[in-house]
Amino acid sequence: MVAYAAGRKADISVNKMRAITLAGVIPDVDSVSIVFGIEAFKNFHGGPVHSILVGMILALVIALGFYLYTRENVLLWSIIGVFFHLLLDIPNTLNYEQYFDGLRYFWPFSDYRIALQNVVPNPEAWHLAIVTAIFGLSIVYFVILARKDAYPWRIWFDEKKLFRKKEDTT
């Protein structure tokens, strides 16, 4: 929702909106490791795919795909989407057993880890405040969009058009 909200605020094209939202979730592609069990997930999720280097490679891949398909340059918006994801994962390191020492954002160049408890005093209070603020603002933003009949998923799938076509043919 944060990446989507940034795109809406910037009033960008639908392809750039798609790029920023896809890039905003793409670092979690490593969640697929859950099919190999919870231990595999614990060992793999949040690893190299959450580094700045791999994040930028993923942003480039997204931008290249969009460019080949639409001929629109969405690289900046792909990078912004990945950046938001990596930034918003910092609070997720608190109380998340395998990431308590932090995520390795600078992998493979450094093993330095960034975690909420390493960058702020009283991390439990900050975690609660940050997560509550992001969740609360996302819900409020979604309600505002819903009242305007502008649901976020419509950048990918507009159910109104799909159902209108079926109604017109009957």
Protein backbone atom coordinates (compact mmCIF):
# COMPACT_ATOMS: atom_id res chain seq x y z
CA MET A 1 0.00 0.00 0.00
CA VAL A 2 2.88 2.39 0.68
CA ALA A 3 4.33 1.94 -2.81
CA TYR A 4 0.85 2.20 -4.32
CA ALA A 5 0.12 5.37 -2.33
CA ALA A 6 3.40 6.92 -3.48
CA GLY A 7 2.49 6.18 -7.09
CA ARG A 8 -0.99 7.65 -6.67
CA LYS A 9 0.43 10.78 -5.08
CA ALA A 10 2.88 11.17 -7.97
CA ASP A 11 0.00 10.75 -10.45
CA ILE A 12 1.93 8.38 -12.71
CA SER A 13 0.84 6.19 -15.60
CA VAL A 14 -0.82 2.83 -15.03
CA ASN A 15 2.33 0.99 -16.15
CA LYS A 16 4.44 2.92 -13.65
CA MET A 17 1.82 2.15 -10.97
CA ARG A 18 2.07 -1.53 -11.85
CA ALA A 19 5.87 -1.37 -11.72
CA ILE A 20 6.04 0.37 -8.34
CA THR A 21 3.54 -2.03 -6.76
CA LEU A 22 5.17 -5.13 -8.24
CA ALA A 23 8.61 -3.91 -7.16
CA GLY A 24 7.19 -3.16 -3.73
CA VAL A 25 6.48 -6.84 -3.14
CA ILE A 26 9.07 -8.59 -5.34
CA PRO A 27 11.74 -8.96 -2.62
CA ASP A 28 9.34 -11.36 -0.91
CA VAL A 29 9.66 -13.75 -3.85
CA ASP A 30 11.90 -15.71 -1.50
CA SER A 31 8.74 -16.63 0.45
CA VAL A 32 8.29 -19.41 -2.10
CA SER A 33 10.82 -21.29 0.03
CA ILE A 34 7.87 -22.21 2.31
CA VAL A 35 7.05 -25.07 -0.09
CA PHE A 36 10.20 -26.77 1.25
CA GLY A 37 9.02 -26.42 4.85
CA ILE A 38 9.10 -23.88 7.62
CA GLU A 39 12.80 -24.43 8.30
CA ALA A 40 13.68 -23.66 4.68
CA PHE A 41 11.53 -20.54 4.88
CA LYS A 42 13.22 -19.44 8.11
CA ASN A 43 16.65 -19.97 6.57
CA PHE A 44 15.99 -18.37 3.19
CA HIS A 45 13.33 -15.64 3.53
CA GLY A 46 14.87 -12.24 4.11
CA GLY A 47 18.24 -13.38 2.80
CA PRO A 48 20.07 -12.16 -0.29
CA VAL A 49 16.86 -11.14 -2.08
CA HIS A 50 16.45 -8.44 0.56
CA SER A 51 19.84 -6.90 -0.16
CA ILE A 52 20.15 -3.62 -2.02
CA LEU A 53 22.14 -5.28 -4.83
CA VAL A 54 19.62 -8.03 -5.52
CA GLY A 55 16.77 -5.55 -5.03
CA MET A 56 18.23 -3.32 -7.74
CA ILE A 57 18.68 -6.33 -10.04
CA LEU A 58 15.02 -7.23 -9.47
CA ALA A 59 14.03 -3.61 -10.21
CA LEU A 60 16.02 -3.78 -13.45
CA VAL A 61 14.34 -7.04 -14.44
CA ILE A 62 10.89 -5.55 -13.77
CA ALA A 63 11.76 -2.41 -15.72
CA LEU A 64 13.14 -4.43 -18.62
CA GLY A 65 10.00 -6.56 -18.72
CA PHE A 66 7.78 -3.51 -18.77
CA TYR A 67 9.92 -1.82 -21.40
CA LEU A 68 9.85 -4.86 -23.68
CA TYR A 69 6.09 -5.19 -23.28
CA THR A 70 4.97 -1.53 -23.18
CA ARG A 71 7.96 0.52 -24.41
CA GLU A 72 7.59 2.66 -21.28
CA ASN A 73 10.55 3.37 -19.00
CA VAL A 74 9.51 2.40 -15.46
CA LEU A 75 12.99 1.93 -13.95
CA LEU A 76 12.78 4.80 -11.46
CA TRP A 77 9.42 3.56 -10.17
CA SER A 78 10.69 -0.01 -9.90
CA ILE A 79 13.64 1.20 -7.82
CA ILE A 80 11.33 3.28 -5.60
CA GLY A 81 9.09 0.24 -5.02
CA VAL A 82 12.03 -1.96 -3.99
CA PHE A 83 13.39 0.85 -1.79
CA PHE A 84 10.07 1.12 0.06
CA HIS A 85 10.02 -2.63 0.64
CA LEU A 86 13.55 -2.73 2.02
CA LEU A 87 12.97 0.34 4.19
CA LEU A 88 9.73 -0.99 5.61
CA ASP A 89 11.35 -4.34 6.44
CA ILE A 90 13.59 -2.70 9.05
CA PRO A 91 10.83 -2.73 11.73
CA ASN A 92 10.08 -6.36 10.85
CA THR A 93 13.39 -7.49 12.31
CA LEU A 94 12.18 -7.00 15.87
CA ASN A 95 10.98 -10.22 17.51
CA TYR A 96 11.47 -12.11 14.25
CA GLU A 97 13.82 -14.79 15.50
CA GLN A 98 16.01 -15.37 12.44
CA TYR A 99 16.35 -11.62 11.75
CA PHE A 100 16.91 -10.39 15.28
CA ASP A 101 20.43 -9.40 14.29
CA GLY A 102 19.02 -7.61 11.25
CA LEU A 103 18.80 -8.01 7.52
CA ARG A 104 21.93 -7.99 5.37
CA TYR A 105 21.08 -5.08 3.08
CA PHE A 106 24.68 -4.76 1.88
CA TRP A 107 25.16 -8.43 0.95
CA PRO A 108 27.48 -9.64 -0.72
CA PHE A 109 29.77 -6.68 0.03
CA SER A 110 29.29 -6.73 3.79
CA ASP A 111 27.72 -8.88 6.48
CA TYR A 112 26.66 -5.75 8.39
CA ARG A 113 23.06 -6.13 9.47
CA ILE A 114 20.45 -3.42 9.92
CA ALA A 115 17.70 -4.00 12.45
CA LEU A 116 15.32 -1.71 14.28
CA GLN A 117 16.93 -2.54 17.60
CA ASN A 118 20.31 -1.48 16.19
CA VAL A 119 19.22 1.97 15.01
CA VAL A 120 16.75 3.34 17.60
CA PRO A 121 16.49 3.39 21.39
CA ASN A 122 13.53 1.51 22.88
CA PRO A 123 12.85 -0.52 19.70
CA GLU A 124 9.68 -2.18 21.06
CA ALA A 125 7.92 1.18 21.30
CA TRP A 126 9.18 2.23 17.88
CA HIS A 127 8.08 -1.09 16.37
CA LEU A 128 4.60 -0.72 17.78
CA ALA A 129 4.36 2.91 16.66
CA ILE A 130 5.69 2.29 13.15
CA VAL A 131 3.64 -0.82 12.44
CA THR A 132 0.47 0.74 13.90
CA ALA A 133 0.98 3.93 11.89
CA ILE A 134 1.64 2.12 8.62
CA PHE A 135 -1.26 -0.30 9.11
CA GLY A 136 -3.63 2.43 10.28
CA LEU A 137 -2.75 4.81 7.48
CA SER A 138 -3.04 2.00 4.93
CA ILE A 139 -6.54 1.15 6.16
CA VAL A 140 -7.61 4.80 6.12
CA TYR A 141 -6.14 5.25 2.64
CA PHE A 142 -7.90 2.11 1.38
CA VAL A 143 -11.24 3.34 2.77
CA ILE A 144 -10.74 6.74 1.11
CA LEU A 145 -10.00 5.01 -2.20
CA ALA A 146 -12.98 2.68 -1.79
CA ARG A 147 -15.28 5.65 -1.23
CA LYS A 148 -14.00 7.06 -4.55
CA ASP A 149 -14.51 3.64 -6.19
CA ALA A 150 -10.75 3.54 -6.90
CA TYR A 151 -9.67 0.17 -5.56
CA PRO A 152 -5.91 -0.46 -5.71
CA TRP A 153 -6.22 -3.81 -7.46
CA ARG A 154 -7.80 -2.12 -10.47
CA ILE A 155 -4.38 -1.22 -11.84
CA TRP A 156 -4.06 -4.96 -12.56
CA PHE A 157 -7.61 -6.25 -12.80
CA ASP A 158 -10.71 -4.11 -13.29
CA GLU A 159 -13.61 -6.30 -12.28
CA LYS A 160 -16.12 -3.61 -13.28
CA LYS A 161 -15.11 -3.87 -16.94
CA LEU A 162 -15.08 -7.65 -16.81
CA PHE A 163 -18.56 -7.92 -15.33
CA ARG A 164 -19.97 -5.12 -17.49
CA LYS A 165 -19.02 -7.04 -20.65
CA LYS A 166 -20.78 -10.15 -19.40
CA GLU A 167 -23.92 -8.18 -18.52
CA ASP A 168 -24.02 -6.49 -21.97
CA THR A 169 -23.92 -9.82 -23.81
CA THR A 170 -26.88 -11.33 -21.93
